[in-house]
Amino acid sequence: MSDKNNDYFAHQTAVIDDNCEIGSGTKIWHFSHIMSNSKIGEKCNIGQNVVVSPEVILGNNVKVQNNVSIYTGVTCEDDVFLGPSMVFTNVTNPRSAVNRRGQYAKTHVGKGATIGANATVVCGHDIGEYAFIGAGAVVTKTIAPYALVVGNPAKQMGWMSEYGHKLDFNDDGIAICPESKEKYELKDGRVIKLG
């Protein structure tokens, strides 16, 4: 059902706690729970069985696929894609008998990044803008912008364009995205998009 006080859609089985900020055009689907003090931008899509914990911040046009839990300490910039059943953690050394609330590590996901299905992001490691985390990868360190990483633990296997194509750099360190035709430069271990 749609909340009459807002111009976002929430399925009737979704639970939205008080003090949430949800942008216009956002859709929240079956059995999802949006917890207090979270902030979701405009035109986001929150799939089935998703949990957005307190103080999580999602930018505009973030796509969250089914069965994802986004825990306190996570922030995502605009245009992030979170694949089905991917996992964030927020405590590095959890124990059932030890209360570690207030010790949550932060994880920031940069603009346009993709995290594939069933990937795990160990807390405290940021994901750079337009990085591409392959399905099933386990991220145990900070990931550079435009990096392509796969495996357990995740290892960098190359670079990706903003359109999601692997970049092949020539001897001058220049690559062209086959779809967008945009140019990228690899210099000193970093990729930048050329104007």
N, C-alpha and C. Protein backbone atom coordinates (compact mmCIF):
# COMPACT_ATOMS: atom_id res chain seq x y z
N MET A 1 0.84 -1.19 0.00
CA MET A 1 0.00 0.00 0.00
C MET A 1 0.87 1.24 0.00
N SER A 2 0.38 2.27 -0.53
CA SER A 2 1.13 3.52 -0.62
C SER A 2 0.78 4.41 0.57
N ASP A 3 1.81 4.98 1.20
CA ASP A 3 1.60 5.88 2.32
C ASP A 3 1.11 7.22 1.78
N LYS A 4 -0.05 7.68 2.27
CA LYS A 4 -0.64 8.91 1.74
C LYS A 4 0.17 10.16 2.07
N ASN A 5 1.02 10.07 3.08
CA ASN A 5 1.82 11.23 3.47
C ASN A 5 3.13 11.33 2.69
N ASN A 6 3.41 10.32 1.89
CA ASN A 6 4.66 10.29 1.14
C ASN A 6 4.38 9.78 -0.26
N ASP A 7 5.28 10.07 -1.17
CA ASP A 7 5.08 9.56 -2.51
C ASP A 7 6.07 8.44 -2.82
N TYR A 8 6.17 7.48 -1.91
CA TYR A 8 6.86 6.22 -2.15
C TYR A 8 5.84 5.11 -2.01
N PHE A 9 6.18 3.92 -2.50
CA PHE A 9 5.30 2.77 -2.40
C PHE A 9 5.86 1.79 -1.38
N ALA A 10 5.00 1.29 -0.51
CA ALA A 10 5.39 0.23 0.42
C ALA A 10 4.33 -0.87 0.35
N HIS A 11 4.75 -2.09 0.07
CA HIS A 11 3.82 -3.22 0.06
C HIS A 11 3.19 -3.36 1.44
N GLN A 12 1.98 -3.88 1.47
CA GLN A 12 1.25 -3.97 2.74
C GLN A 12 1.94 -4.85 3.78
N THR A 13 2.83 -5.75 3.36
CA THR A 13 3.55 -6.59 4.33
C THR A 13 4.84 -5.94 4.82
N ALA A 14 5.24 -4.84 4.24
CA ALA A 14 6.46 -4.15 4.67
C ALA A 14 6.23 -3.47 6.02
N VAL A 15 7.27 -3.40 6.83
CA VAL A 15 7.20 -2.72 8.13
C VAL A 15 8.14 -1.52 8.06
N ILE A 16 7.58 -0.34 8.31
CA ILE A 16 8.37 0.88 8.30
C ILE A 16 8.24 1.55 9.65
N ASP A 17 9.33 1.59 10.40
CA ASP A 17 9.31 2.16 11.74
C ASP A 17 9.23 3.69 11.69
N ASP A 18 9.00 4.30 12.84
CA ASP A 18 8.96 5.75 12.95
C ASP A 18 10.34 6.34 12.67
N ASN A 19 10.33 7.63 12.31
CA ASN A 19 11.55 8.41 12.13
C ASN A 19 12.44 7.91 10.99
N CYS A 20 11.82 7.39 9.94
CA CYS A 20 12.55 7.02 8.73
C CYS A 20 12.36 8.12 7.70
N GLU A 21 13.36 8.30 6.87
CA GLU A 21 13.25 9.25 5.77
C GLU A 21 13.32 8.45 4.47
N ILE A 22 12.26 8.51 3.67
CA ILE A 22 12.18 7.72 2.44
C ILE A 22 11.84 8.66 1.29
N GLY A 23 12.69 8.65 0.25
CA GLY A 23 12.53 9.57 -0.86
C GLY A 23 11.41 9.18 -1.82
N SER A 24 10.99 10.16 -2.61
CA SER A 24 9.90 9.94 -3.55
C SER A 24 10.31 8.96 -4.64
N GLY A 25 9.34 8.18 -5.08
CA GLY A 25 9.56 7.21 -6.14
C GLY A 25 10.19 5.91 -5.67
N THR A 26 10.51 5.80 -4.39
CA THR A 26 11.10 4.57 -3.87
C THR A 26 10.02 3.51 -3.71
N LYS A 27 10.40 2.24 -3.94
CA LYS A 27 9.49 1.10 -3.78
C LYS A 27 10.07 0.14 -2.76
N ILE A 28 9.23 -0.26 -1.81
CA ILE A 28 9.63 -1.19 -0.75
C ILE A 28 8.70 -2.40 -0.85
N TRP A 29 9.29 -3.57 -1.08
CA TRP A 29 8.50 -4.75 -1.40
C TRP A 29 8.25 -5.67 -0.21
N HIS A 30 7.67 -6.83 -0.48
CA HIS A 30 7.15 -7.78 0.50
C HIS A 30 8.11 -8.08 1.65
N PHE A 31 7.59 -8.03 2.85
CA PHE A 31 8.26 -8.50 4.08
C PHE A 31 9.57 -7.78 4.39
N SER A 32 9.74 -6.59 3.87
CA SER A 32 10.94 -5.82 4.19
C SER A 32 10.70 -4.95 5.42
N HIS A 33 11.78 -4.65 6.13
CA HIS A 33 11.69 -3.89 7.38
C HIS A 33 12.66 -2.71 7.30
N ILE A 34 12.10 -1.52 7.37
CA ILE A 34 12.89 -0.29 7.38
C ILE A 34 12.87 0.22 8.81
N MET A 35 14.03 0.25 9.47
CA MET A 35 14.10 0.56 10.89
C MET A 35 14.32 2.06 11.14
N SER A 36 14.04 2.47 12.38
CA SER A 36 14.09 3.88 12.78
C SER A 36 15.41 4.55 12.42
N ASN A 37 15.30 5.82 12.08
CA ASN A 37 16.45 6.69 11.83
C ASN A 37 17.28 6.28 10.62
N SER A 38 16.69 5.48 9.73
CA SER A 38 17.38 5.18 8.47
C SER A 38 16.93 6.19 7.43
N LYS A 39 17.76 6.35 6.41
CA LYS A 39 17.47 7.33 5.37
C LYS A 39 17.64 6.66 4.01
N ILE A 40 16.57 6.66 3.22
CA ILE A 40 16.57 6.05 1.89
C ILE A 40 16.25 7.15 0.88
N GLY A 41 17.07 7.25 -0.15
CA GLY A 41 16.91 8.31 -1.14
C GLY A 41 15.75 8.09 -2.09
N GLU A 42 15.72 8.89 -3.14
CA GLU A 42 14.67 8.82 -4.15
C GLU A 42 14.91 7.68 -5.13
N LYS A 43 13.80 7.14 -5.66
CA LYS A 43 13.82 6.15 -6.74
C LYS A 43 14.64 4.92 -6.40
N CYS A 44 14.66 4.53 -5.14
CA CYS A 44 15.32 3.29 -4.74
C CYS A 44 14.35 2.13 -4.92
N ASN A 45 14.88 0.93 -5.03
CA ASN A 45 14.05 -0.27 -5.07
C ASN A 45 14.56 -1.22 -4.00
N ILE A 46 13.72 -1.48 -3.01
CA ILE A 46 14.06 -2.35 -1.88
C ILE A 46 13.29 -3.65 -2.10
N GLY A 47 14.01 -4.72 -2.42
CA GLY A 47 13.38 -6.00 -2.76
C GLY A 47 12.71 -6.68 -1.58
N GLN A 48 12.32 -7.94 -1.78
CA GLN A 48 11.64 -8.72 -0.74
C GLN A 48 12.61 -9.11 0.37
N ASN A 49 12.10 -9.14 1.60
CA ASN A 49 12.83 -9.66 2.75
C ASN A 49 14.15 -8.93 2.98
N VAL A 50 14.11 -7.62 2.87
CA VAL A 50 15.28 -6.77 3.10
C VAL A 50 15.14 -6.10 4.46
N VAL A 51 16.24 -5.99 5.19
CA VAL A 51 16.27 -5.25 6.45
C VAL A 51 17.21 -4.07 6.29
N VAL A 52 16.71 -2.87 6.58
CA VAL A 52 17.52 -1.67 6.61
C VAL A 52 17.58 -1.23 8.07
N SER A 53 18.73 -1.37 8.69
CA SER A 53 18.88 -1.14 10.13
C SER A 53 18.96 0.35 10.46
N PRO A 54 18.84 0.69 11.75
CA PRO A 54 18.90 2.09 12.16
C PRO A 54 20.16 2.79 11.67
N GLU A 55 19.99 4.04 11.23
CA GLU A 55 21.07 4.94 10.84
C GLU A 55 21.76 4.57 9.53
N VAL A 56 21.25 3.58 8.82
CA VAL A 56 21.76 3.28 7.49
C VAL A 56 21.36 4.42 6.56
N ILE A 57 22.24 4.78 5.64
CA ILE A 57 21.94 5.81 4.65
C ILE A 57 22.11 5.23 3.26
N LEU A 58 21.06 5.31 2.45
CA LEU A 58 21.11 4.90 1.05
C LEU A 58 20.86 6.13 0.19
N GLY A 59 21.66 6.33 -0.83
CA GLY A 59 21.49 7.45 -1.74
C GLY A 59 20.32 7.23 -2.68
N ASN A 60 20.29 7.99 -3.76
CA ASN A 60 19.22 7.87 -4.76
C ASN A 60 19.50 6.70 -5.71
N ASN A 61 18.42 6.09 -6.19
CA ASN A 61 18.48 5.05 -7.21
C ASN A 61 19.32 3.85 -6.77
N VAL A 62 19.28 3.51 -5.49
CA VAL A 62 19.96 2.32 -4.99
C VAL A 62 19.03 1.13 -5.19
N LYS A 63 19.58 0.05 -5.77
CA LYS A 63 18.81 -1.17 -6.00
C LYS A 63 19.26 -2.23 -5.01
N VAL A 64 18.34 -2.65 -4.14
CA VAL A 64 18.63 -3.67 -3.13
C VAL A 64 17.81 -4.89 -3.49
N GLN A 65 18.48 -5.96 -3.88
CA GLN A 65 17.78 -7.17 -4.29
C GLN A 65 17.31 -7.97 -3.07
N ASN A 66 16.60 -9.05 -3.30
CA ASN A 66 15.97 -9.83 -2.24
C ASN A 66 16.99 -10.37 -1.22
N ASN A 67 16.53 -10.45 0.03
CA ASN A 67 17.25 -11.12 1.13
C ASN A 67 18.56 -10.43 1.52
N VAL A 68 18.60 -9.11 1.46
CA VAL A 68 19.79 -8.37 1.87
C VAL A 68 19.52 -7.68 3.21
N SER A 69 20.47 -7.79 4.14
CA SER A 69 20.40 -7.05 5.39
C SER A 69 21.49 -5.98 5.37
N ILE A 70 21.07 -4.73 5.56
CA ILE A 70 22.00 -3.61 5.56
C ILE A 70 22.08 -3.12 6.99
N TYR A 71 23.20 -3.38 7.66
CA TYR A 71 23.31 -3.13 9.08
C TYR A 71 23.82 -1.73 9.40
N THR A 72 23.54 -1.30 10.63
CA THR A 72 24.01 0.00 11.12
C THR A 72 25.50 0.14 10.86
N GLY A 73 25.89 1.29 10.33
CA GLY A 73 27.27 1.55 9.98
C GLY A 73 27.50 1.58 8.48
N VAL A 74 26.50 1.12 7.70
CA VAL A 74 26.64 1.07 6.25
C VAL A 74 26.03 2.32 5.62
N THR A 75 26.76 2.92 4.68
CA THR A 75 26.23 4.00 3.85
C THR A 75 26.50 3.65 2.40
N CYS A 76 25.55 3.95 1.54
CA CYS A 76 25.68 3.71 0.10
C CYS A 76 25.37 5.00 -0.64
N GLU A 77 26.23 5.38 -1.56
CA GLU A 77 25.98 6.56 -2.38
C GLU A 77 24.97 6.22 -3.48
N ASP A 78 24.71 7.17 -4.36
CA ASP A 78 23.74 7.00 -5.44
C ASP A 78 24.14 5.84 -6.37
N ASP A 79 23.11 5.21 -6.95
CA ASP A 79 23.27 4.23 -8.03
C ASP A 79 24.01 2.95 -7.63
N VAL A 80 24.01 2.61 -6.35
CA VAL A 80 24.64 1.37 -5.90
C VAL A 80 23.68 0.20 -6.17
N PHE A 81 24.25 -0.94 -6.55
CA PHE A 81 23.49 -2.18 -6.75
C PHE A 81 23.96 -3.20 -5.74
N LEU A 82 23.02 -3.70 -4.92
CA LEU A 82 23.31 -4.74 -3.93
C LEU A 82 22.61 -6.01 -4.37
N GLY A 83 23.37 -7.00 -4.81
CA GLY A 83 22.83 -8.22 -5.39
C GLY A 83 22.12 -9.11 -4.38
N PRO A 84 21.34 -10.08 -4.90
CA PRO A 84 20.55 -10.96 -4.04
C PRO A 84 21.40 -11.66 -2.98
N SER A 85 20.93 -11.59 -1.76
CA SER A 85 21.52 -12.31 -0.62
C SER A 85 22.96 -11.91 -0.31
N MET A 86 23.42 -10.74 -0.80
CA MET A 86 24.75 -10.28 -0.39
C MET A 86 24.68 -9.88 1.08
N VAL A 87 25.84 -9.84 1.73
CA VAL A 87 25.87 -9.66 3.18
C VAL A 87 26.85 -8.55 3.58
N PHE A 88 26.39 -7.65 4.43
CA PHE A 88 27.28 -6.72 5.14
C PHE A 88 27.42 -7.23 6.56
N THR A 89 28.59 -7.03 7.17
CA THR A 89 28.72 -7.26 8.61
C THR A 89 28.98 -5.91 9.25
N ASN A 90 28.84 -5.83 10.58
CA ASN A 90 29.16 -4.56 11.23
C ASN A 90 29.94 -4.72 12.53
N VAL A 91 30.28 -5.95 12.90
CA VAL A 91 31.13 -6.21 14.07
C VAL A 91 32.20 -7.19 13.63
N THR A 92 33.47 -6.89 13.93
CA THR A 92 34.55 -7.77 13.47
C THR A 92 34.71 -9.03 14.31
N ASN A 93 34.29 -8.97 15.57
CA ASN A 93 34.47 -10.12 16.45
C ASN A 93 33.20 -10.40 17.26
N PRO A 94 32.09 -10.76 16.59
CA PRO A 94 30.83 -10.95 17.30
C PRO A 94 30.84 -12.17 18.22
N ARG A 95 30.22 -12.01 19.37
CA ARG A 95 29.97 -13.10 20.31
C ARG A 95 28.56 -12.91 20.85
N SER A 96 27.82 -13.97 20.91
CA SER A 96 26.45 -13.89 21.40
C SER A 96 26.38 -13.35 22.83
N ALA A 97 27.32 -13.75 23.66
CA ALA A 97 27.28 -13.38 25.08
C ALA A 97 27.91 -12.02 25.37
N VAL A 98 28.47 -11.36 24.35
CA VAL A 98 29.13 -10.07 24.55
C VAL A 98 28.39 -9.00 23.75
N ASN A 99 27.90 -7.98 24.46
CA ASN A 99 27.17 -6.89 23.79
C ASN A 99 28.17 -5.92 23.18
N ARG A 100 28.16 -5.82 21.84
CA ARG A 100 29.08 -4.92 21.16
C ARG A 100 28.34 -3.78 20.45
N ARG A 101 27.13 -3.48 20.91
CA ARG A 101 26.43 -2.32 20.35
C ARG A 101 27.27 -1.08 20.63
N GLY A 102 27.33 -0.20 19.69
CA GLY A 102 28.15 0.98 19.84
C GLY A 102 29.58 0.77 19.35
N GLN A 103 29.90 -0.47 18.97
CA GLN A 103 31.23 -0.77 18.44
C GLN A 103 31.15 -1.14 16.96
N TYR A 104 30.07 -0.73 16.31
CA TYR A 104 29.87 -1.07 14.90
C TYR A 104 30.91 -0.38 14.03
N ALA A 105 31.54 -1.15 13.17
CA ALA A 105 32.49 -0.59 12.20
C ALA A 105 31.70 -0.03 11.01
N LYS A 106 32.25 0.97 10.37
CA LYS A 106 31.56 1.62 9.26
C LYS A 106 32.05 1.06 7.92
N THR A 107 31.12 0.98 6.97
CA THR A 107 31.42 0.57 5.61
C THR A 107 30.73 1.54 4.67
N HIS A 108 31.50 2.11 3.75
CA HIS A 108 30.94 3.06 2.79
C HIS A 108 31.07 2.48 1.38
N VAL A 109 29.94 2.50 0.65
CA VAL A 109 29.92 2.00 -0.73
C VAL A 109 29.78 3.20 -1.65
N GLY A 110 30.76 3.38 -2.54
CA GLY A 110 30.81 4.54 -3.41
C GLY A 110 29.80 4.51 -4.54
N LYS A 111 29.59 5.65 -5.13
CA LYS A 111 28.62 5.85 -6.21
C LYS A 111 28.81 4.82 -7.32
N GLY A 112 27.70 4.22 -7.74
CA GLY A 112 27.68 3.34 -8.89
C GLY A 112 28.29 1.97 -8.68
N ALA A 113 28.72 1.64 -7.48
CA ALA A 113 29.34 0.33 -7.23
C ALA A 113 28.31 -0.79 -7.32
N THR A 114 28.78 -1.98 -7.70
CA THR A 114 27.95 -3.18 -7.76
C THR A 114 28.54 -4.22 -6.82
N ILE A 115 27.68 -4.83 -6.00
CA ILE A 115 28.09 -5.95 -5.16
C ILE A 115 27.24 -7.13 -5.57
N GLY A 116 27.86 -8.19 -6.09
CA GLY A 116 27.16 -9.32 -6.67
C GLY A 116 26.47 -10.21 -5.66
N ALA A 117 25.65 -11.11 -6.19
CA ALA A 117 24.87 -12.05 -5.38
C ALA A 117 25.76 -12.86 -4.46
N ASN A 118 25.32 -13.02 -3.22
CA ASN A 118 25.98 -13.84 -2.22
C ASN A 118 27.38 -13.36 -1.83
N ALA A 119 27.76 -12.16 -2.22
CA ALA A 119 29.05 -11.61 -1.77
C ALA A 119 28.94 -11.20 -0.30
N THR A 120 30.07 -11.17 0.37
CA THR A 120 30.13 -10.74 1.77
C THR A 120 31.13 -9.59 1.87
N VAL A 121 30.72 -8.51 2.54
CA VAL A 121 31.62 -7.39 2.77
C VAL A 121 31.89 -7.33 4.28
N VAL A 122 33.13 -7.67 4.66
CA VAL A 122 33.51 -7.61 6.06
C VAL A 122 33.62 -6.13 6.45
N CYS A 123 33.03 -5.78 7.58
CA CYS A 123 32.89 -4.38 7.97
C CYS A 123 34.23 -3.67 8.11
N GLY A 124 34.17 -2.35 7.90
CA GLY A 124 35.34 -1.52 8.03
C GLY A 124 36.14 -1.37 6.75
N HIS A 125 35.62 -1.94 5.65
CA HIS A 125 36.32 -1.88 4.37
C HIS A 125 35.42 -1.20 3.35
N ASP A 126 35.86 -0.05 2.85
CA ASP A 126 35.04 0.72 1.92
C ASP A 126 35.15 0.16 0.51
N ILE A 127 34.11 0.40 -0.27
CA ILE A 127 34.05 -0.01 -1.67
C ILE A 127 34.08 1.27 -2.50
N GLY A 128 35.06 1.40 -3.37
CA GLY A 128 35.22 2.61 -4.17
C GLY A 128 34.13 2.76 -5.22
N GLU A 129 34.00 3.98 -5.75
CA GLU A 129 32.97 4.26 -6.74
C GLU A 129 33.18 3.39 -7.98
N TYR A 130 32.08 2.89 -8.50
CA TYR A 130 32.03 2.05 -9.70
C TYR A 130 32.82 0.76 -9.59
N ALA A 131 33.22 0.37 -8.39
CA ALA A 131 33.86 -0.93 -8.20
C ALA A 131 32.84 -2.02 -8.50
N PHE A 132 33.33 -3.19 -8.83
CA PHE A 132 32.46 -4.33 -9.17
C PHE A 132 32.92 -5.53 -8.37
N ILE A 133 32.08 -5.96 -7.42
CA ILE A 133 32.38 -7.10 -6.55
C ILE A 133 31.65 -8.30 -7.13
N GLY A 134 32.38 -9.31 -7.59
CA GLY A 134 31.78 -10.47 -8.23
C GLY A 134 30.93 -11.30 -7.27
N ALA A 135 30.03 -12.09 -7.83
CA ALA A 135 29.14 -12.95 -7.05
C ALA A 135 29.97 -13.88 -6.16
N GLY A 136 29.59 -13.98 -4.90
CA GLY A 136 30.23 -14.88 -3.96
C GLY A 136 31.56 -14.40 -3.40
N ALA A 137 32.02 -13.22 -3.80
CA ALA A 137 33.30 -12.71 -3.31
C ALA A 137 33.21 -12.37 -1.82
N VAL A 138 34.34 -12.46 -1.13
CA VAL A 138 34.42 -12.08 0.28
C VAL A 138 35.42 -10.93 0.39
N VAL A 139 34.90 -9.74 0.65
CA VAL A 139 35.73 -8.53 0.69
C VAL A 139 36.31 -8.37 2.09
N THR A 140 37.66 -8.41 2.15
CA THR A 140 38.35 -8.31 3.44
C THR A 140 39.30 -7.12 3.49
N LYS A 141 39.23 -6.25 2.47
CA LYS A 141 40.05 -5.03 2.47
C LYS A 141 39.33 -3.97 1.65
N THR A 142 39.80 -2.74 1.74
CA THR A 142 39.21 -1.64 0.99
C THR A 142 39.42 -1.86 -0.50
N ILE A 143 38.39 -1.55 -1.29
CA ILE A 143 38.42 -1.78 -2.73
C ILE A 143 38.50 -0.44 -3.46
N ALA A 144 39.43 -0.35 -4.40
CA ALA A 144 39.67 0.89 -5.14
C ALA A 144 38.51 1.20 -6.10
N PRO A 145 38.32 2.48 -6.42
CA PRO A 145 37.34 2.84 -7.44
C PRO A 145 37.62 2.10 -8.75
N TYR A 146 36.57 1.65 -9.42
CA TYR A 146 36.60 0.96 -10.72
C TYR A 146 37.21 -0.44 -10.66
N ALA A 147 37.60 -0.93 -9.50
CA ALA A 147 38.24 -2.24 -9.40
C ALA A 147 37.22 -3.37 -9.61
N LEU A 148 37.67 -4.43 -10.24
CA LEU A 148 36.90 -5.68 -10.38
C LEU A 148 37.55 -6.70 -9.47
N VAL A 149 36.79 -7.20 -8.48
CA VAL A 149 37.34 -8.19 -7.55
C VAL A 149 36.43 -9.42 -7.50
N VAL A 150 37.07 -10.59 -7.37
CA VAL A 150 36.34 -11.85 -7.27
C VAL A 150 37.06 -12.76 -6.29
N GLY A 151 36.35 -13.78 -5.81
CA GLY A 151 36.96 -14.84 -5.01
C GLY A 151 36.88 -14.64 -3.52
N ASN A 152 37.47 -15.63 -2.80
CA ASN A 152 37.49 -15.64 -1.34
C ASN A 152 38.90 -15.99 -0.88
N PRO A 153 39.64 -15.01 -0.32
CA PRO A 153 39.27 -13.60 -0.19
C PRO A 153 39.28 -12.92 -1.56
N ALA A 154 38.54 -11.82 -1.67
CA ALA A 154 38.42 -11.12 -2.94
C ALA A 154 39.78 -10.61 -3.40
N LYS A 155 40.08 -10.87 -4.66
CA LYS A 155 41.33 -10.38 -5.27
C LYS A 155 40.98 -9.60 -6.53
N GLN A 156 41.74 -8.56 -6.77
CA GLN A 156 41.47 -7.74 -7.94
C GLN A 156 41.90 -8.47 -9.21
N MET A 157 40.96 -8.50 -10.20
CA MET A 157 41.20 -9.17 -11.47
C MET A 157 41.19 -8.21 -12.64
N GLY A 158 41.06 -6.92 -12.37
CA GLY A 158 41.04 -5.94 -13.45
C GLY A 158 40.27 -4.71 -13.03
N TRP A 159 39.75 -4.01 -14.04
CA TRP A 159 39.07 -2.74 -13.84
C TRP A 159 37.77 -2.75 -14.63
N MET A 160 36.77 -2.01 -14.17
CA MET A 160 35.46 -1.95 -14.83
C MET A 160 35.09 -0.52 -15.17
N SER A 161 34.37 -0.37 -16.29
CA SER A 161 33.85 0.95 -16.67
C SER A 161 32.59 1.26 -15.87
N GLU A 162 32.14 2.49 -15.97
CA GLU A 162 30.90 2.87 -15.29
C GLU A 162 29.69 2.13 -15.85
N TYR A 163 29.81 1.60 -17.05
CA TYR A 163 28.73 0.82 -17.67
C TYR A 163 28.85 -0.67 -17.37
N GLY A 164 29.85 -1.07 -16.58
CA GLY A 164 29.98 -2.46 -16.17
C GLY A 164 30.68 -3.36 -17.16
N HIS A 165 31.63 -2.82 -17.92
CA HIS A 165 32.43 -3.62 -18.85
C HIS A 165 33.87 -3.64 -18.38
N LYS A 166 34.51 -4.82 -18.54
CA LYS A 166 35.92 -4.92 -18.17
C LYS A 166 36.74 -4.04 -19.12
N LEU A 167 37.67 -3.30 -18.53
CA LEU A 167 38.49 -2.37 -19.31
C LEU A 167 39.82 -3.03 -19.69
N ASP A 168 40.17 -2.91 -20.97
CA ASP A 168 41.46 -3.40 -21.47
C ASP A 168 42.31 -2.19 -21.81
N PHE A 169 43.36 -1.97 -21.03
CA PHE A 169 44.20 -0.79 -21.20
C PHE A 169 45.31 -1.07 -22.21
N ASN A 170 45.55 -0.09 -23.11
CA ASN A 170 46.65 -0.21 -24.07
C ASN A 170 47.97 0.17 -23.41
N ASP A 171 49.04 0.17 -24.17
CA ASP A 171 50.37 0.45 -23.62
C ASP A 171 50.49 1.86 -23.05
N ASP A 172 49.62 2.75 -23.51
CA ASP A 172 49.62 4.13 -22.99
C ASP A 172 48.74 4.28 -21.75
N GLY A 173 48.15 3.17 -21.28
CA GLY A 173 47.30 3.22 -20.09
C GLY A 173 45.92 3.77 -20.36
N ILE A 174 45.44 3.67 -21.61
CA ILE A 174 44.12 4.18 -21.97
C ILE A 174 43.21 3.00 -22.35
N ALA A 175 41.96 3.05 -21.91
CA ALA A 175 40.96 2.06 -22.28
C ALA A 175 39.68 2.78 -22.67
N ILE A 176 38.90 2.15 -23.53
CA ILE A 176 37.62 2.71 -23.97
C ILE A 176 36.52 1.70 -23.66
N CYS A 177 35.48 2.17 -22.98
CA CYS A 177 34.33 1.31 -22.68
C CYS A 177 33.64 0.94 -24.00
N PRO A 178 33.41 -0.35 -24.27
CA PRO A 178 32.80 -0.74 -25.54
C PRO A 178 31.35 -0.27 -25.70
N GLU A 179 30.68 0.04 -24.61
CA GLU A 179 29.28 0.47 -24.70
C GLU A 179 29.15 1.98 -24.74
N SER A 180 29.76 2.66 -23.78
CA SER A 180 29.59 4.12 -23.67
C SER A 180 30.59 4.90 -24.53
N LYS A 181 31.69 4.23 -24.91
CA LYS A 181 32.80 4.86 -25.65
C LYS A 181 33.56 5.87 -24.80
N GLU A 182 33.31 5.90 -23.50
CA GLU A 182 34.05 6.79 -22.61
C GLU A 182 35.47 6.26 -22.42
N LYS A 183 36.42 7.19 -22.25
CA LYS A 183 37.83 6.83 -22.09
C LYS A 183 38.21 6.85 -20.60
N TYR A 184 39.11 5.91 -20.26
CA TYR A 184 39.63 5.78 -18.91
C TYR A 184 41.15 5.72 -18.98
N GLU A 185 41.79 6.21 -17.92
CA GLU A 185 43.24 6.14 -17.84
C GLU A 185 43.67 5.40 -16.58
N LEU A 186 44.63 4.50 -16.74
CA LEU A 186 45.23 3.79 -15.62
C LEU A 186 46.61 4.38 -15.39
N LYS A 187 46.77 5.00 -14.21
CA LYS A 187 48.04 5.66 -13.90
C LYS A 187 48.33 5.48 -12.42
N ASP A 188 49.53 5.01 -12.13
CA ASP A 188 49.96 4.82 -10.73
C ASP A 188 48.98 3.95 -9.95
N GLY A 189 48.46 2.91 -10.59
CA GLY A 189 47.56 1.97 -9.92
C GLY A 189 46.16 2.49 -9.65
N ARG A 190 45.79 3.59 -10.32
CA ARG A 190 44.45 4.15 -10.14
C ARG A 190 43.82 4.38 -11.51
N VAL A 191 42.50 4.22 -11.56
CA VAL A 191 41.75 4.48 -12.80
C VAL A 191 40.96 5.76 -12.64
N ILE A 192 41.01 6.62 -13.66
CA ILE A 192 40.17 7.80 -13.69
C ILE A 192 39.48 7.86 -15.04
N LYS A 193 38.26 8.37 -15.06
CA LYS A 193 37.56 8.59 -16.32
C LYS A 193 38.02 9.91 -16.88
N LEU A 194 38.36 9.91 -18.16
CA LEU A 194 38.83 11.13 -18.80
C LEU A 194 37.65 11.94 -19.28
N GLY A 195 37.74 13.28 -19.16
CA GLY A 195 36.67 14.19 -19.51
C GLY A 195 36.13 14.02 -20.87
